[in-house]
PDB file of N, CA and C in Angstrom:
ATOM      1  N   UNK A   1    -107.803-101.005  69.028  1.00  0.00           N
ATOM      2  CA  UNK A   1    -108.033-101.183  70.224  1.00  0.00           C
ATOM      3  C   UNK A   1    -107.182-102.577  70.592  1.00  0.00           C
ATOM      4  N   UNK A   2    -106.660-103.043  71.761  1.00  0.00           N
ATOM      5  CA  UNK A   2    -105.855-103.905  71.740  1.00  0.00           C
ATOM      6  C   UNK A   2    -106.473-105.523  72.255  1.00  0.00           C
ATOM      7  N   UNK A   3    -106.487-106.368  72.215  1.00  0.00           N
ATOM      8  CA  UNK A   3    -107.174-107.725  72.455  1.00  0.00           C
ATOM      9  C   UNK A   3    -107.619-107.691  73.695  1.00  0.00           C
ATOM     10  N   UNK A   4    -106.772-107.410  74.997  1.00  0.00           N
ATOM     11  CA  UNK A   4    -107.565-107.402  76.258  1.00  0.00           C
ATOM     12  C   UNK A   4    -108.626-106.631  76.400  1.00  0.00           C
ATOM     13  N   UNK A   5    -108.412-105.308  75.650  1.00  0.00           N
ATOM     14  CA  UNK A   5    -109.970-104.435  75.816  1.00  0.00           C
ATOM     15  C   UNK A   5    -111.208-105.121  74.900  1.00  0.00           C
ATOM     16  N   UNK A   6    -110.695-106.049  74.040  1.00  0.00           N
ATOM     17  CA  UNK A   6    -111.927-106.598  73.382  1.00  0.00           C
ATOM     18  C   UNK A   6    -112.344-107.998  74.326  1.00  0.00           C
ATOM     19  N   UNK A   7    -111.696-108.013  75.190  1.00  0.00           N
ATOM     20  CA  UNK A   7    -111.836-109.745  76.034  1.00  0.00           C
ATOM     21  C   UNK A   7    -111.267-110.876  75.504  1.00  0.00           C
ATOM     22  N   UNK A   8    -110.525-110.783  74.826  1.00  0.00           N
ATOM     23  CA  UNK A   8    -109.745-111.694  74.029  1.00  0.00           C
ATOM     24  C   UNK A   8    -108.232-112.036  75.005  1.00  0.00           C
ATOM     25  N   UNK A   9    -107.658-113.131  75.023  1.00  0.00           N
ATOM     26  CA  UNK A   9    -106.270-113.812  75.464  1.00  0.00           C
ATOM     27  C   UNK A   9    -105.362-113.307  74.347  1.00  0.00           C
ATOM     28  N   UNK A  10    -104.469-112.619  74.501  1.00  0.00           N
ATOM     29  CA  UNK A  10    -103.180-112.329  73.246  1.00  0.00           C
ATOM     30  C   UNK A  10    -102.702-113.759  73.098  1.00  0.00           C
ATOM     31  N   UNK A  11    -102.412-114.352  73.887  1.00  0.00           N
ATOM     32  CA  UNK A  11    -101.565-115.241  73.784  1.00  0.00           C
ATOM     33  C   UNK A  11    -102.468-116.388  72.582  1.00  0.00           C
ATOM     34  N   UNK A  12    -103.797-116.478  73.053  1.00  0.00           N
ATOM     35  CA  UNK A  12    -104.973-117.268  72.142  1.00  0.00           C
ATOM     36  C   UNK A  12    -104.563-116.639  70.940  1.00  0.00           C
ATOM     37  N   UNK A  13    -104.505-115.590  70.416  1.00  0.00           N
ATOM     38  CA  UNK A  13    -104.529-115.023  69.361  1.00  0.00           C
ATOM     39  C   UNK A  13    -103.534-114.957  68.487  1.00  0.00           C
ATOM     40  N   UNK A  14    -102.033-115.175  69.024  1.00  0.00           N
ATOM     41  CA  UNK A  14    -100.668-115.593  68.439  1.00  0.00           C
ATOM     42  C   UNK A  14    -100.787-117.173  68.037  1.00  0.00           C
ATOM     43  N   UNK A  15    -101.665-118.051  68.850  1.00  0.00           N
ATOM     44  CA  UNK A  15    -101.667-119.252  68.628  1.00  0.00           C
ATOM     45  C   UNK A  15    -102.652-119.285  67.498  1.00  0.00           C
ATOM     46  N   UNK A  16    -103.648-118.723  67.405  1.00  0.00           N
ATOM     47  CA  UNK A  16    -104.722-119.136  66.114  1.00  0.00           C
ATOM     48  C   UNK A  16    -103.921-118.629  64.838  1.00  0.00           C
ATOM     49  N   UNK A  17    -102.850-117.887  65.205  1.00  0.00           N
ATOM     50  CA  UNK A  17    -102.808-117.372  63.801  1.00  0.00           C
ATOM     51  C   UNK A  17    -101.778-118.184  62.917  1.00  0.00           C
ATOM     52  N   UNK A  18    -101.040-119.361  63.726  1.00  0.00           N
ATOM     53  CA  UNK A  18    -100.231-120.123  63.480  1.00  0.00           C
ATOM     54  C   UNK A  18    -100.764-121.383  62.718  1.00  0.00           C
ATOM     55  N   UNK A  19    -100.518-121.668  61.252  1.00  0.00           N
ATOM     56  CA  UNK A  19    -101.333-122.643  60.502  1.00  0.00           C
ATOM     57  C   UNK A  19    -101.059-123.989  60.984  1.00  0.00           C
ATOM     58  N   UNK A  20    -101.796-125.053  60.813  1.00  0.00           N
ATOM     59  CA  UNK A  20    -102.030-125.912  61.641  1.00  0.00           C
ATOM     60  C   UNK A  20    -100.888-126.670  60.655  1.00  0.00           C
ATOM     61  N   UNK A  21    -100.046-127.884  61.396  1.00  0.00           N
ATOM     62  CA  UNK A  21     -99.422-128.730  60.553  1.00  0.00           C
ATOM     63  C   UNK A  21    -100.093-129.685  59.688  1.00  0.00           C
ATOM     64  N   UNK A  22     -99.582-129.926  58.421  1.00  0.00           N
ATOM     65  CA  UNK A  22    -100.195-130.401  57.180  1.00  0.00           C
ATOM     66  C   UNK A  22    -101.081-131.323  57.698  1.00  0.00           C
ATOM     67  N   UNK A  23    -100.403-132.577  58.203  1.00  0.00           N
ATOM     68  CA  UNK A  23    -100.995-133.765  58.621  1.00  0.00           C
ATOM     69  C   UNK A  23    -102.273-133.581  59.588  1.00  0.00           C
ATOM     70  N   UNK A  24    -102.417-132.637  60.169  1.00  0.00           N
ATOM     71  CA  UNK A  24    -103.607-132.334  61.052  1.00  0.00           C
ATOM     72  C   UNK A  24    -104.476-131.479  60.114  1.00  0.00           C
ATOM     73  N   UNK A  25    -104.371-130.869  59.487  1.00  0.00           N
ATOM     74  CA  UNK A  25    -104.890-130.471  58.465  1.00  0.00           C
ATOM     75  C   UNK A  25    -105.815-131.590  57.589  1.00  0.00           C
ATOM     76  N   UNK A  26    -104.655-132.079  56.938  1.00  0.00           N
ATOM     77  CA  UNK A  26    -105.342-133.293  56.252  1.00  0.00           C
ATOM     78  C   UNK A  26    -106.120-134.258  57.032  1.00  0.00           C
ATOM     79  N   UNK A  27    -106.048-134.641  58.238  1.00  0.00           N
ATOM     80  CA  UNK A  27    -106.536-135.294  59.234  1.00  0.00           C
ATOM     81  C   UNK A  27    -108.218-135.063  59.271  1.00  0.00           C
ATOM     82  N   UNK A  28    -107.967-133.331  59.662  1.00  0.00           N
ATOM     83  CA  UNK A  28    -109.236-132.644  60.059  1.00  0.00           C
ATOM     84  C   UNK A  28    -110.417-132.891  58.684  1.00  0.00           C
ATOM     85  N   UNK A  29    -109.743-132.731  57.552  1.00  0.00           N
ATOM     86  CA  UNK A  29    -110.442-132.846  56.299  1.00  0.00           C
ATOM     87  C   UNK A  29    -110.973-134.135  55.759  1.00  0.00           C
ATOM     88  N   UNK A  30    -110.163-135.160  56.301  1.00  0.00           N
ATOM     89  CA  UNK A  30    -110.526-136.625  56.241  1.00  0.00           C
ATOM     90  C   UNK A  30    -111.779-137.043  57.030  1.00  0.00           C
ATOM     91  N   UNK A  31    -111.615-136.386  58.357  1.00  0.00           N
ATOM     92  CA  UNK A  31    -112.609-136.671  58.999  1.00  0.00           C
ATOM     93  C   UNK A  31    -114.131-136.188  59.016  1.00  0.00           C
ATOM     94  N   UNK A  32    -113.758-134.963  58.398  1.00  0.00           N
ATOM     95  CA  UNK A  32    -115.186-134.423  57.977  1.00  0.00           C
ATOM     96  C   UNK A  32    -115.888-134.724  56.695  1.00  0.00           C
ATOM     97  N   UNK A  33    -115.054-135.717  56.114  1.00  0.00           N
ATOM     98  CA  UNK A  33    -115.456-136.464  55.073  1.00  0.00           C
ATOM     99  C   UNK A  33    -115.802-137.600  55.444  1.00  0.00           C
ATOM    100  N   UNK A  34    -115.692-138.396  56.425  1.00  0.00           N
ATOM    101  CA  UNK A  34    -116.613-139.441  57.334  1.00  0.00           C
ATOM    102  C   UNK A  34    -115.299-140.895  56.833  1.00  0.00           C
ATOM    103  N   UNK A  35    -113.955-140.445  56.414  1.00  0.00           N
ATOM    104  CA  UNK A  35    -113.128-141.298  56.395  1.00  0.00           C
ATOM    105  C   UNK A  35    -112.699-142.112  58.209  1.00  0.00           C
ATOM    106  N   UNK A  36    -112.801-143.198  57.847  1.00  0.00           N
ATOM    107  CA  UNK A  36    -112.421-144.125  59.192  1.00  0.00           C
ATOM    108  C   UNK A  36    -110.842-143.508  59.906  1.00  0.00           C
ATOM    109  N   UNK A  37    -110.966-143.748  61.191  1.00  0.00           N
ATOM    110  CA  UNK A  37    -109.431-143.232  61.909  1.00  0.00           C
ATOM    111  C   UNK A  37    -108.315-143.961  61.413  1.00  0.00           C
ATOM    112  N   UNK A  38    -108.392-145.298  61.200  1.00  0.00           N
ATOM    113  CA  UNK A  38    -107.543-146.363  60.665  1.00  0.00           C
ATOM    114  C   UNK A  38    -106.963-145.765  59.278  1.00  0.00           C
ATOM    115  N   UNK A  39    -107.885-145.626  58.474  1.00  0.00           N
ATOM    116  CA  UNK A  39    -107.833-145.244  56.987  1.00  0.00           C
ATOM    117  C   UNK A  39    -106.927-144.122  56.916  1.00  0.00           C
ATOM    118  N   UNK A  40    -107.214-143.021  57.995  1.00  0.00           N
ATOM    119  CA  UNK A  40    -106.772-141.772  57.747  1.00  0.00           C
ATOM    120  C   UNK A  40    -105.206-141.824  58.197  1.00  0.00           C
ATOM    121  N   UNK A  41    -105.128-142.847  59.169  1.00  0.00           N
ATOM    122  CA  UNK A  41    -103.489-142.545  59.518  1.00  0.00           C
ATOM    123  C   UNK A  41    -102.548-143.486  58.097  1.00  0.00           C
ATOM    124  N   UNK A  42    -103.054-144.496  57.837  1.00  0.00           N
ATOM    125  CA  UNK A  42    -102.672-144.922  56.366  1.00  0.00           C
ATOM    126  C   UNK A  42    -102.469-143.960  55.568  1.00  0.00           C
ATOM    127  N   UNK A  43    -103.375-142.956  55.158  1.00  0.00           N
ATOM    128  CA  UNK A  43    -103.183-141.672  54.042  1.00  0.00           C
ATOM    129  C   UNK A  43    -102.361-141.052  54.434  1.00  0.00           C
ATOM    130  N   UNK A  44    -102.165-140.481  55.462  1.00  0.00           N
ATOM    131  CA  UNK A  44    -101.159-139.936  56.129  1.00  0.00           C
ATOM    132  C   UNK A  44     -99.758-140.450  55.755  1.00  0.00           C
ATOM    133  N   UNK A  45     -99.623-141.597  56.407  1.00  0.00           N
ATOM    134  CA  UNK A  45     -98.194-142.069  56.525  1.00  0.00           C
ATOM    135  C   UNK A  45     -97.703-142.225  55.211  1.00  0.00           C
ATOM    136  N   UNK A  46     -98.505-142.486  53.857  1.00  0.00           N
ATOM    137  CA  UNK A  46     -98.530-142.787  52.535  1.00  0.00           C
ATOM    138  C   UNK A  46     -97.981-141.258  51.987  1.00  0.00           C
ATOM    139  N   UNK A  47     -98.548-140.145  52.346  1.00  0.00           N
ATOM    140  CA  UNK A  47     -98.561-138.929  51.652  1.00  0.00           C
ATOM    141  C   UNK A  47     -97.476-138.245  52.459  1.00  0.00           C
ATOM    142  N   UNK A  48     -96.877-138.304  53.810  1.00  0.00           N
ATOM    143  CA  UNK A  48     -96.261-137.478  54.483  1.00  0.00           C
ATOM    144  C   UNK A  48     -94.786-137.995  54.193  1.00  0.00           C
ATOM    145  N   UNK A  49     -94.024-137.174  53.509  1.00  0.00           N
ATOM    146  CA  UNK A  49     -92.184-137.611  53.120  1.00  0.00           C
ATOM    147  C   UNK A  49     -91.270-137.141  54.212  1.00  0.00           C
ATOM    148  N   UNK A  50     -90.646-137.923  54.312  1.00  0.00           N
ATOM    149  CA  UNK A  50     -89.191-137.083  55.362  1.00  0.00           C
ATOM    150  C   UNK A  50     -88.055-136.926  54.157  1.00  0.00           C
ATOM    151  N   UNK A  51     -87.732-135.234  54.465  1.00  0.00           N
ATOM    152  CA  UNK A  51     -86.503-135.166  53.784  1.00  0.00           C
ATOM    153  C   UNK A  51     -85.424-135.210  54.547  1.00  0.00           C
ATOM    154  N   UNK A  52     -83.707-135.310  53.933  1.00  0.00           N
ATOM    155  CA  UNK A  52     -82.813-135.179  54.872  1.00  0.00           C
ATOM    156  C   UNK A  52     -81.762-134.547  53.981  1.00  0.00           C
ATOM    157  N   UNK A  53     -81.101-133.877  54.568  1.00  0.00           N
ATOM    158  CA  UNK A  53     -79.954-132.920  53.846  1.00  0.00           C
ATOM    159  C   UNK A  53     -78.878-133.396  54.437  1.00  0.00           C
ATOM    160  N   UNK A  54     -77.403-133.839  53.610  1.00  0.00           N
ATOM    161  CA  UNK A  54     -76.571-134.031  54.205  1.00  0.00           C
ATOM    162  C   UNK A  54     -75.431-132.961  53.552  1.00  0.00           C
ATOM    163  N   UNK A  55     -74.498-132.312  54.246  1.00  0.00           N
ATOM    164  CA  UNK A  55     -73.741-131.600  53.405  1.00  0.00           C
ATOM    165  C   UNK A  55     -72.157-131.948  53.879  1.00  0.00           C
ATOM    166  N   UNK A  56     -71.072-131.736  52.974  1.00  0.00           N
ATOM    167  CA  UNK A  56     -70.462-132.344  53.071  1.00  0.00           C
ATOM    168  C   UNK A  56     -68.978-131.217  52.277  1.00  0.00           C
ATOM    169  N   UNK A  57     -67.731-131.235  52.744  1.00  0.00           N
ATOM    170  CA  UNK A  57     -67.012-130.199  51.827  1.00  0.00           C
ATOM    171  C   UNK A  57     -65.312-130.959  51.465  1.00  0.00           C
ATOM    172  N   UNK A  58     -64.926-130.446  50.860  1.00  0.00           N
ATOM    173  CA  UNK A  58     -63.886-130.956  50.322  1.00  0.00           C
ATOM    174  C   UNK A  58     -63.694-132.163  49.171  1.00  0.00           C
ATOM    175  N   UNK A  59     -62.656-132.896  48.452  1.00  0.00           N
ATOM    176  CA  UNK A  59     -62.460-133.039  47.504  1.00  0.00           C
ATOM    177  C   UNK A  59     -63.679-134.441  47.232  1.00  0.00           C
ATOM    178  N   UNK A  60     -63.616-134.828  48.005  1.00  0.00           N
ATOM    179  CA  UNK A  60     -64.330-136.499  48.603  1.00  0.00           C
ATOM    180  C   UNK A  60     -65.466-136.305  49.239  1.00  0.00           C
ATOM    181  N   UNK A  61     -66.502-137.073  48.745  1.00  0.00           N
ATOM    182  CA  UNK A  61     -67.695-137.472  49.663  1.00  0.00           C
ATOM    183  C   UNK A  61     -67.580-138.200  50.621  1.00  0.00           C
ATOM    184  N   UNK A  62     -68.239-138.360  51.602  1.00  0.00           N
ATOM    185  CA  UNK A  62     -68.041-139.423  52.946  1.00  0.00           C
ATOM    186  C   UNK A  62     -67.947-140.710  52.497  1.00  0.00           C
ATOM    187  N   UNK A  63     -67.410-141.927  52.304  1.00  0.00           N
ATOM    188  CA  UNK A  63     -67.405-142.999  52.196  1.00  0.00           C
ATOM    189  C   UNK A  63     -68.822-143.724  51.921  1.00  0.00           C
ATOM    190  N   UNK A  64     -69.290-143.657  52.789  1.00  0.00           N
ATOM    191  CA  UNK A  64     -71.099-144.042  52.220  1.00  0.00           C
ATOM    192  C   UNK A  64     -71.605-143.670  51.273  1.00  0.00           C
ATOM    193  N   UNK A  65     -71.590-142.464  50.767  1.00  0.00           N
ATOM    194  CA  UNK A  65     -71.691-141.790  49.441  1.00  0.00           C
ATOM    195  C   UNK A  65     -71.155-142.124  48.214  1.00  0.00           C
ATOM    196  N   UNK A  66     -70.026-142.402  48.724  1.00  0.00           N
ATOM    197  CA  UNK A  66     -68.686-142.559  47.643  1.00  0.00           C
ATOM    198  C   UNK A  66     -69.384-144.036  47.042  1.00  0.00           C
ATOM    199  N   UNK A  67     -69.530-144.918  47.968  1.00  0.00           N
ATOM    200  CA  UNK A  67     -70.338-146.458  47.641  1.00  0.00           C
ATOM    201  C   UNK A  67     -71.462-146.066  46.606  1.00  0.00           C
ATOM    202  N   UNK A  68     -72.069-145.203  46.751  1.00  0.00           N
ATOM    203  CA  UNK A  68     -73.279-145.158  46.378  1.00  0.00           C
ATOM    204  C   UNK A  68     -72.997-144.931  45.165  1.00  0.00           C
ATOM    205  N   UNK A  69     -71.885-143.725  44.357  1.00  0.00           N
ATOM    206  CA  UNK A  69     -71.722-143.367  43.202  1.00  0.00           C
ATOM    207  C   UNK A  69     -71.105-145.026  42.098  1.00  0.00           C
ATOM    208  N   UNK A  70     -70.178-145.570  43.115  1.00  0.00           N
ATOM    209  CA  UNK A  70     -70.005-147.191  42.323  1.00  0.00           C
ATOM    210  C   UNK A  70     -71.482-148.016  42.234  1.00  0.00           C
ATOM    211  N   UNK A  71     -72.318-147.761  42.761  1.00  0.00           N
ATOM    212  CA  UNK A  71     -73.663-148.511  42.189  1.00  0.00           C
ATOM    213  C   UNK A  71     -74.364-147.796  41.152  1.00  0.00           C
ATOM    214  N   UNK A  72     -74.146-146.093  41.004  1.00  0.00           N
ATOM    215  CA  UNK A  72     -74.748-145.686  40.020  1.00  0.00           C
ATOM    216  C   UNK A  72     -74.274-145.490  38.866  1.00  0.00           C
ATOM    217  N   UNK A  73     -72.972-145.533  38.972  1.00  0.00           N
ATOM    218  CA  UNK A  73     -72.365-145.517  37.571  1.00  0.00           C
ATOM    219  C   UNK A  73     -70.816-146.199  37.589  1.00  0.00           C
ATOM    220  N   UNK A  74     -70.605-147.001  36.359  1.00  0.00           N
ATOM    221  CA  UNK A  74     -69.714-147.867  36.354  1.00  0.00           C
ATOM    222  C   UNK A  74     -68.514-147.068  36.604  1.00  0.00           C
ATOM    223  N   UNK A  75     -67.655-147.831  37.547  1.00  0.00           N
ATOM    224  CA  UNK A  75     -66.566-147.339  38.317  1.00  0.00           C
ATOM    225  C   UNK A  75     -66.721-145.971  38.784  1.00  0.00           C
ATOM    226  N   UNK A  76     -68.017-145.578  39.318  1.00  0.00           N
ATOM    227  CA  UNK A  76     -68.036-143.919  39.847  1.00  0.00           C
ATOM    228  C   UNK A  76     -67.132-143.517  40.761  1.00  0.00           C
ATOM    229  N   UNK A  77     -66.861-144.436  41.773  1.00  0.00           N
ATOM    230  CA  UNK A  77     -66.067-144.189  42.711  1.00  0.00           C
ATOM    231  C   UNK A  77     -64.591-143.999  42.449  1.00  0.00           C
ATOM    232  N   UNK A  78     -64.270-144.619  41.511  1.00  0.00           N
ATOM    233  CA  UNK A  78     -63.093-144.679  41.198  1.00  0.00           C
ATOM    234  C   UNK A  78     -62.718-143.538  40.314  1.00  0.00           C
ATOM    235  N   UNK A  79     -63.817-143.170  39.595  1.00  0.00           N
ATOM    236  CA  UNK A  79     -63.653-141.739  38.752  1.00  0.00           C
ATOM    237  C   UNK A  79     -63.523-140.934  39.636  1.00  0.00           C
ATOM    238  N   UNK A  80     -64.249-140.739  40.795  1.00  0.00           N
ATOM    239  CA  UNK A  80     -64.249-139.651  41.770  1.00  0.00           C
ATOM    240  C   UNK A  80     -62.852-139.532  42.439  1.00  0.00           C
ATOM    241  N   UNK A  81     -62.425-140.806  42.959  1.00  0.00           N
ATOM    242  CA  UNK A  81     -60.840-140.995  43.662  1.00  0.00           C
ATOM    243  C   UNK A  81     -59.919-140.824  42.457  1.00  0.00           C
ATOM    244  N   UNK A  82     -59.747-140.712  41.083  1.00  0.00           N
ATOM    245  CA  UNK A  82     -58.951-140.380  40.258  1.00  0.00           C
ATOM    246  C   UNK A  82     -58.827-138.735  40.063  1.00  0.00           C
ATOM    247  N   UNK A  83     -60.304-138.459  40.051  1.00  0.00           N
ATOM    248  CA  UNK A  83     -60.366-136.998  39.751  1.00  0.00           C
ATOM    249  C   UNK A  83     -59.960-135.906  41.085  1.00  0.00           C
ATOM    250  N   UNK A  84     -60.116-136.502  42.461  1.00  0.00           N
ATOM    251  CA  UNK A  84     -59.415-135.907  43.465  1.00  0.00           C
ATOM    252  C   UNK A  84     -57.867-135.904  43.520  1.00  0.00           C
ATOM    253  N   UNK A  85     -57.296-137.052  43.012  1.00  0.00           N
ATOM    254  CA  UNK A  85     -55.950-137.617  43.066  1.00  0.00           C
ATOM    255  C   UNK A  85     -55.325-136.426  41.762  1.00  0.00           C
ATOM    256  N   UNK A  86     -55.739-136.520  40.983  1.00  0.00           N
ATOM    257  CA  UNK A  86     -55.555-135.295  39.563  1.00  0.00           C
ATOM    258  C   UNK A  86     -55.414-134.080  40.184  1.00  0.00           C
ATOM    259  N   UNK A  87     -56.680-133.684  40.757  1.00  0.00           N
ATOM    260  CA  UNK A  87     -56.635-132.394  41.205  1.00  0.00           C
ATOM    261  C   UNK A  87     -55.585-131.818  42.429  1.00  0.00           C
ATOM    262  N   UNK A  88     -55.291-133.129  43.025  1.00  0.00           N
ATOM    263  CA  UNK A  88     -54.020-132.700  44.082  1.00  0.00           C
ATOM    264  C   UNK A  88     -52.602-132.693  43.337  1.00  0.00           C
ATOM    265  N   UNK A  89     -52.901-133.535  42.571  1.00  0.00           N
ATOM    266  CA  UNK A  89     -51.819-133.560  42.041  1.00  0.00           C
ATOM    267  C   UNK A  89     -50.978-132.236  41.222  1.00  0.00           C
ATOM    268  N   UNK A  90     -52.329-131.742  40.792  1.00  0.00           N
ATOM    269  CA  UNK A  90     -52.198-130.499  39.691  1.00  0.00           C
ATOM    270  C   UNK A  90     -51.910-129.440  40.907  1.00  0.00           C
ATOM    271  N   UNK A  91     -52.287-129.262  41.849  1.00  0.00           N
ATOM    272  CA  UNK A  91     -52.194-128.183  43.101  1.00  0.00           C
ATOM    273  C   UNK A  91     -50.635-128.046  43.552  1.00  0.00           C
ATOM    274  N   UNK A  92     -50.148-129.680  43.625  1.00  0.00           N
ATOM    275  CA  UNK A  92     -48.819-129.516  44.372  1.00  0.00           C
ATOM    276  C   UNK A  92     -47.895-129.135  43.236  1.00  0.00           C
ATOM    277  N   UNK A  93     -47.785-129.293  41.954  1.00  0.00           N
ATOM    278  CA  UNK A  93     -47.195-129.132  40.537  1.00  0.00           C
ATOM    279  C   UNK A  93     -47.333-127.303  40.945  1.00  0.00           C
ATOM    280  N   UNK A  94     -48.291-126.601  40.973  1.00  0.00           N
ATOM    281  CA  UNK A  94     -48.445-125.310  40.876  1.00  0.00           C
ATOM    282  C   UNK A  94     -47.815-124.802  42.201  1.00  0.00           C
ATOM    283  N   UNK A  95     -48.073-125.301  43.423  1.00  0.00           N
ATOM    284  CA  UNK A  95     -47.110-125.133  44.734  1.00  0.00           C
ATOM    285  C   UNK A  95     -45.375-125.252  44.075  1.00  0.00           C
ATOM    286  N   UNK A  96     -45.284-126.165  43.526  1.00  0.00           N
ATOM    287  CA  UNK A  96     -43.736-126.686  43.372  1.00  0.00           C
ATOM    288  C   UNK A  96     -43.235-125.208  42.624  1.00  0.00           C
ATOM    289  N   UNK A  97     -44.056-125.001  41.647  1.00  0.00           N
ATOM    290  CA  UNK A  97     -43.690-123.965  40.493  1.00  0.00           C
ATOM    291  C   UNK A  97     -43.553-122.511  41.050  1.00  0.00           C
ATOM    292  N   UNK A  98     -44.617-122.091  42.350  1.00  0.00           N
ATOM    293  CA  UNK A  98     -43.923-120.617  42.535  1.00  0.00           C
ATOM    294  C   UNK A  98     -43.035-120.837  43.863  1.00  0.00           C
TER     295      UNK A  98
END
């Protein structure tokens, strides 16, 4: 039996199958427990995180990331530059031999 035969709107069925967004679900549960709206927003802001992915290709990371290596590891940026230069030199030597 399809949804129309049962008197249901097929579009509303597909919408109800979707899971609510996590903050909405948290908000609903906190409201049910009697937490004040201002507190709910603070709780959600504290626990919802933002994930950012960055991708790059090539022997060197972008300058802003390279600068971060400098802060993390002693001479980190310089070490990466030396590694890239050494790799380039090796490739050029191999190309010259062929």
